[in-house]
C-alpha atoms as a PDB file:
ATOM      1  CA  MET A   1     -41.674 -24.529 155.677  1.00  0.00           C
ATOM      2  CA  SER A   2     -38.479 -25.177 153.831  1.00  0.00           C
ATOM      3  CA  ASN A   3     -40.212 -24.088 150.660  1.00  0.00           C
ATOM      4  CA  ASP A   4     -40.896 -20.743 151.988  1.00  0.00           C
ATOM      5  CA  PHE A   5     -37.396 -20.762 152.911  1.00  0.00           C
ATOM      6  CA  GLY A   6     -36.213 -21.813 149.501  1.00  0.00           C
ATOM      7  CA  GLY A   7     -38.707 -19.112 147.958  1.00  0.00           C
ATOM      8  CA  LEU A   8     -37.144 -16.484 150.164  1.00  0.00           C
ATOM      9  CA  ARG A   9     -33.590 -17.557 149.361  1.00  0.00           C
ATOM     10  CA  ASP A  10     -34.571 -17.654 145.309  1.00  0.00           C
ATOM     11  CA  LEU A  11     -35.937 -13.904 145.863  1.00  0.00           C
ATOM     12  CA  TYR A  12     -32.920 -12.790 147.622  1.00  0.00           C
ATOM     13  CA  GLN A  13     -30.615 -14.304 144.909  1.00  0.00           C
ATOM     14  CA  GLU A  14     -32.754 -12.719 142.125  1.00  0.00           C
ATOM     15  CA  VAL A  15     -32.412  -9.096 144.005  1.00  0.00           C
ATOM     16  CA  ILE A  16     -28.742  -9.836 144.139  1.00  0.00           C
ATOM     17  CA  PHE A  17     -28.371 -10.784 140.303  1.00  0.00           C
ATOM     18  CA  ASP A  18     -30.541  -7.793 139.363  1.00  0.00           C
ATOM     19  CA  HIS A  19     -28.280  -5.443 141.345  1.00  0.00           C
ATOM     20  CA  ASN A  20     -25.128  -6.795 139.686  1.00  0.00           C
ATOM     21  CA  ARG A  21     -26.636  -6.697 136.342  1.00  0.00           C
ATOM     22  CA  ASN A  22     -28.088  -3.326 136.471  1.00  0.00           C
ATOM     23  CA  PRO A  23     -26.168  -1.531 139.426  1.00  0.00           C
ATOM     24  CA  ARG A  24     -27.660   1.641 140.817  1.00  0.00           C
ATOM     25  CA  ASN A  25     -25.717   4.700 141.123  1.00  0.00           C
ATOM     26  CA  PHE A  26     -22.829   3.256 139.071  1.00  0.00           C
ATOM     27  CA  GLY A  27     -20.711   5.700 137.561  1.00  0.00           C
ATOM     28  CA  GLU A  28     -18.269   8.501 138.783  1.00  0.00           C
ATOM     29  CA  LEU A  29     -19.655  11.440 140.814  1.00  0.00           C
ATOM     30  CA  ALA A  30     -18.138  14.589 139.423  1.00  0.00           C
ATOM     31  CA  ASP A  31     -19.102  16.575 142.542  1.00  0.00           C
ATOM     32  CA  ALA A  32     -18.363  14.079 145.074  1.00  0.00           C
ATOM     33  CA  THR A  33     -17.007  15.866 148.393  1.00  0.00           C
ATOM     34  CA  HIS A  34     -15.784  12.682 149.521  1.00  0.00           C
ATOM     35  CA  HIS A  35     -14.241   9.279 147.786  1.00  0.00           C
ATOM     36  CA  ALA A  36     -12.290   5.895 148.657  1.00  0.00           C
ATOM     37  CA  ASP A  37     -10.860   2.878 146.971  1.00  0.00           C
ATOM     38  CA  GLY A  38     -11.601  -0.468 147.993  1.00  0.00           C
ATOM     39  CA  HIS A  39     -10.016  -3.531 147.242  1.00  0.00           C
ATOM     40  CA  ASN A  40     -10.965  -7.309 147.891  1.00  0.00           C
ATOM     41  CA  PRO A  41      -7.375  -9.160 147.214  1.00  0.00           C
ATOM     42  CA  LEU A  42      -9.064 -12.447 147.493  1.00  0.00           C
ATOM     43  CA  CYS A  43     -11.824 -11.855 144.964  1.00  0.00           C
ATOM     44  CA  GLY A  44     -10.242  -9.633 143.038  1.00  0.00           C
ATOM     45  CA  ASP A  45     -12.908  -6.945 143.673  1.00  0.00           C
ATOM     46  CA  GLN A  46     -11.880  -3.088 143.089  1.00  0.00           C
ATOM     47  CA  LEU A  47     -14.348  -0.222 143.595  1.00  0.00           C
ATOM     48  CA  THR A  48     -14.388   3.657 144.106  1.00  0.00           C
ATOM     49  CA  VAL A  49     -17.112   4.920 146.358  1.00  0.00           C
ATOM     50  CA  TYR A  50     -18.052   8.660 145.799  1.00  0.00           C
ATOM     51  CA  VAL A  51     -20.038  10.436 148.233  1.00  0.00           C
ATOM     52  CA  GLN A  52     -21.580  14.009 148.245  1.00  0.00           C
ATOM     53  CA  LEU A  53     -22.256  15.502 151.759  1.00  0.00           C
ATOM     54  CA  LYS A  54     -23.986  18.529 152.361  1.00  0.00           C
ATOM     55  CA  GLU A  55     -24.302  19.661 156.187  1.00  0.00           C
ATOM     56  CA  GLY A  56     -23.593  16.096 157.345  1.00  0.00           C
ATOM     57  CA  VAL A  57     -25.923  14.142 155.087  1.00  0.00           C
ATOM     58  CA  VAL A  58     -25.269  12.107 152.272  1.00  0.00           C
ATOM     59  CA  GLU A  59     -27.027  13.778 149.364  1.00  0.00           C
ATOM     60  CA  LYS A  60     -25.462  11.423 146.716  1.00  0.00           C
ATOM     61  CA  ALA A  61     -23.375   8.130 146.807  1.00  0.00           C
ATOM     62  CA  MET A  62     -22.175   6.472 143.674  1.00  0.00           C
ATOM     63  CA  PHE A  63     -19.597   3.722 142.953  1.00  0.00           C
ATOM     64  CA  ILE A  64     -17.378   2.438 139.995  1.00  0.00           C
ATOM     65  CA  GLY A  65     -15.351  -0.774 139.611  1.00  0.00           C
ATOM     66  CA  HIS A  66     -15.641  -4.508 138.924  1.00  0.00           C
ATOM     67  CA  GLY A  67     -16.029  -7.584 141.237  1.00  0.00           C
ATOM     68  CA  CYS A  68     -18.006 -10.683 141.699  1.00  0.00           C
ATOM     69  CA  ALA A  69     -21.939 -10.435 141.815  1.00  0.00           C
ATOM     70  CA  ILE A  70     -22.068 -10.024 145.384  1.00  0.00           C
ATOM     71  CA  SER A  71     -19.852  -6.795 145.594  1.00  0.00           C
ATOM     72  CA  LYS A  72     -21.337  -4.900 142.968  1.00  0.00           C
ATOM     73  CA  ALA A  73     -24.887  -5.920 144.398  1.00  0.00           C
ATOM     74  CA  SER A  74     -23.886  -4.708 147.789  1.00  0.00           C
ATOM     75  CA  ALA A  75     -22.582  -1.626 146.878  1.00  0.00           C
ATOM     76  CA  SER A  76     -25.215  -1.030 144.540  1.00  0.00           C
ATOM     77  CA  LEU A  77     -28.099  -1.706 147.535  1.00  0.00           C
ATOM     78  CA  MET A  78     -25.763   0.554 149.718  1.00  0.00           C
ATOM     79  CA  THR A  79     -25.521   3.722 147.514  1.00  0.00           C
ATOM     80  CA  GLU A  80     -29.641   3.380 147.673  1.00  0.00           C
ATOM     81  CA  ALA A  81     -29.836   2.894 151.449  1.00  0.00           C
ATOM     82  CA  VAL A  82     -27.489   5.706 152.483  1.00  0.00           C
ATOM     83  CA  LYS A  83     -29.056   8.965 150.497  1.00  0.00           C
ATOM     84  CA  GLY A  84     -30.665  11.042 152.893  1.00  0.00           C
ATOM     85  CA  LYS A  85     -28.998   9.687 155.774  1.00  0.00           C
ATOM     86  CA  THR A  86     -26.306  11.522 158.264  1.00  0.00           C
ATOM     87  CA  VAL A  87     -23.013  10.738 158.777  1.00  0.00           C
ATOM     88  CA  GLU A  88     -24.083   9.303 162.217  1.00  0.00           C
ATOM     89  CA  GLU A  89     -26.738   7.002 160.585  1.00  0.00           C
ATOM     90  CA  VAL A  90     -24.616   5.811 158.152  1.00  0.00           C
ATOM     91  CA  GLU A  91     -21.971   4.735 160.355  1.00  0.00           C
ATOM     92  CA  SER A  92     -24.435   3.113 162.509  1.00  0.00           C
ATOM     93  CA  LEU A  93     -25.795   1.379 159.549  1.00  0.00           C
ATOM     94  CA  PHE A  94     -22.244   0.196 158.732  1.00  0.00           C
ATOM     95  CA  ALA A  95     -22.022  -1.171 161.986  1.00  0.00           C
ATOM     96  CA  ASP A  96     -25.186  -2.954 161.974  1.00  0.00           C
ATOM     97  CA  MET A  97     -24.612  -4.535 158.432  1.00  0.00           C
ATOM     98  CA  HIS A  98     -21.010  -5.669 159.321  1.00  0.00           C
ATOM     99  CA  ALA A  99     -22.859  -7.539 162.286  1.00  0.00           C
ATOM    100  CA  MET A 100     -25.558  -8.830 160.350  1.00  0.00           C
ATOM    101  CA  LEU A 101     -23.021 -10.703 158.218  1.00  0.00           C
ATOM    102  CA  THR A 102     -20.658 -11.813 160.284  1.00  0.00           C
ATOM    103  CA  GLU A 103     -22.722 -12.840 163.775  1.00  0.00           C
ATOM    104  CA  ALA A 104     -24.933 -15.706 164.149  1.00  0.00           C
ATOM    105  CA  HIS A 105     -27.669 -13.713 165.954  1.00  0.00           C
ATOM    106  CA  PRO A 106     -27.439  -9.947 165.037  1.00  0.00           C
ATOM    107  CA  GLU A 107     -29.130  -7.351 166.958  1.00  0.00           C
ATOM    108  CA  ALA A 108     -32.567  -6.832 165.519  1.00  0.00           C
ATOM    109  CA  ARG A 109     -32.943  -4.124 162.885  1.00  0.00           C
ATOM    110  CA  ASP A 110     -35.133  -3.057 159.951  1.00  0.00           C
ATOM    111  CA  PHE A 111     -32.592  -3.781 156.907  1.00  0.00           C
ATOM    112  CA  GLY A 112     -35.099  -3.192 154.127  1.00  0.00           C
ATOM    113  CA  LYS A 113     -33.767  -4.065 150.801  1.00  0.00           C
ATOM    114  CA  LEU A 114     -30.424  -4.814 152.411  1.00  0.00           C
ATOM    115  CA  GLU A 115     -31.664  -7.890 154.300  1.00  0.00           C
ATOM    116  CA  VAL A 116     -31.183  -9.680 151.024  1.00  0.00           C
ATOM    117  CA  LEU A 117     -27.296  -9.957 151.822  1.00  0.00           C
ATOM    118  CA  SER A 118     -28.244 -11.592 155.086  1.00  0.00           C
ATOM    119  CA  GLY A 119     -27.896 -14.909 152.979  1.00  0.00           C
ATOM    120  CA  VAL A 120     -23.729 -14.094 152.672  1.00  0.00           C
ATOM    121  CA  ARG A 121     -23.284 -14.845 156.258  1.00  0.00           C
ATOM    122  CA  GLU A 122     -23.750 -18.767 155.541  1.00  0.00           C
ATOM    123  CA  PHE A 123     -20.742 -18.333 153.033  1.00  0.00           C
ATOM    124  CA  PRO A 124     -17.863 -16.789 155.312  1.00  0.00           C
ATOM    125  CA  ALA A 125     -15.311 -16.513 152.302  1.00  0.00           C
ATOM    126  CA  ARG A 126     -18.225 -14.274 150.631  1.00  0.00           C
ATOM    127  CA  VAL A 127     -18.568 -12.029 153.522  1.00  0.00           C
ATOM    128  CA  LYS A 128     -15.912  -9.918 152.352  1.00  0.00           C
ATOM    129  CA  CYS A 129     -17.308  -9.415 149.121  1.00  0.00           C
ATOM    130  CA  ALA A 130     -20.283  -8.109 150.617  1.00  0.00           C
ATOM    131  CA  THR A 131     -18.628  -5.591 153.156  1.00  0.00           C
ATOM    132  CA  LEU A 132     -15.968  -4.364 150.568  1.00  0.00           C
ATOM    133  CA  ALA A 133     -18.584  -1.779 149.687  1.00  0.00           C
ATOM    134  CA  TRP A 134     -19.202  -0.589 153.535  1.00  0.00           C
ATOM    135  CA  HIS A 135     -15.704  -0.484 154.229  1.00  0.00           C
ATOM    136  CA  THR A 136     -15.043   1.645 151.237  1.00  0.00           C
ATOM    137  CA  LEU A 137     -17.940   4.075 152.091  1.00  0.00           C
ATOM    138  CA  HIS A 138     -16.467   4.248 155.988  1.00  0.00           C
ATOM    139  CA  ASN A 139     -13.308   5.288 154.635  1.00  0.00           C
ATOM    140  CA  ALA A 140     -14.960   7.731 152.468  1.00  0.00           C
ATOM    141  CA  ILE A 141     -16.688   9.430 155.170  1.00  0.00           C
ATOM    142  CA  THR A 142     -14.089   9.411 157.823  1.00  0.00           C
ATOM    143  CA  GLU A 143     -11.573  10.719 155.094  1.00  0.00           C
ATOM    144  CA  ALA A 144      -9.161   7.919 155.765  1.00  0.00           C
ATOM    145  CA  ARG A 145      -6.427   7.748 152.982  1.00  0.00           C
ATOM    146  CA  ASP A 146      -5.797   4.034 152.980  1.00  0.00           C
ATOM    147  CA  THR A 147      -7.520   1.799 150.641  1.00  0.00           C
ATOM    148  CA  ALA A 148     -10.153  -0.340 152.046  1.00  0.00           C
ATOM    149  CA  LYS A 149      -9.154  -3.978 152.260  1.00  0.00           C
ATOM    150  CA  THR A 150     -11.360  -6.754 153.550  1.00  0.00           C
ATOM    151  CA  GLU A 151      -8.031  -8.597 154.349  1.00  0.00           C
END
């Protein structure tokens, strides 16, 4: 059984490395209707998340910035996951992602590709890296003026 878990962990790591090396939706979004900045002082991660909302639905989501592999991969996976979702669905996903990353037994949900981030829960210092993009997205769609921080 441990070999299966090890293989799954290796697969998850490869997906994270791939999204770090080749982030999806990386770049400024010129026609963004919402945007926010995020900063994780512990790791030095800094990013800006751009969202184009149309009638309460995320049409496009992109990000720019720099940071560790986990923060970039999380932002990349997030931008893919939220396209086509309503603001309410995004907020629900934000809450569920936070629970998945911080709770020992989060409520069951099909996270799809986002499941690769679940292993971060075992490394509490890295949870902030994984949640930065999500907090920044939340600030963008709620039009919060503050920089999203994980401290």
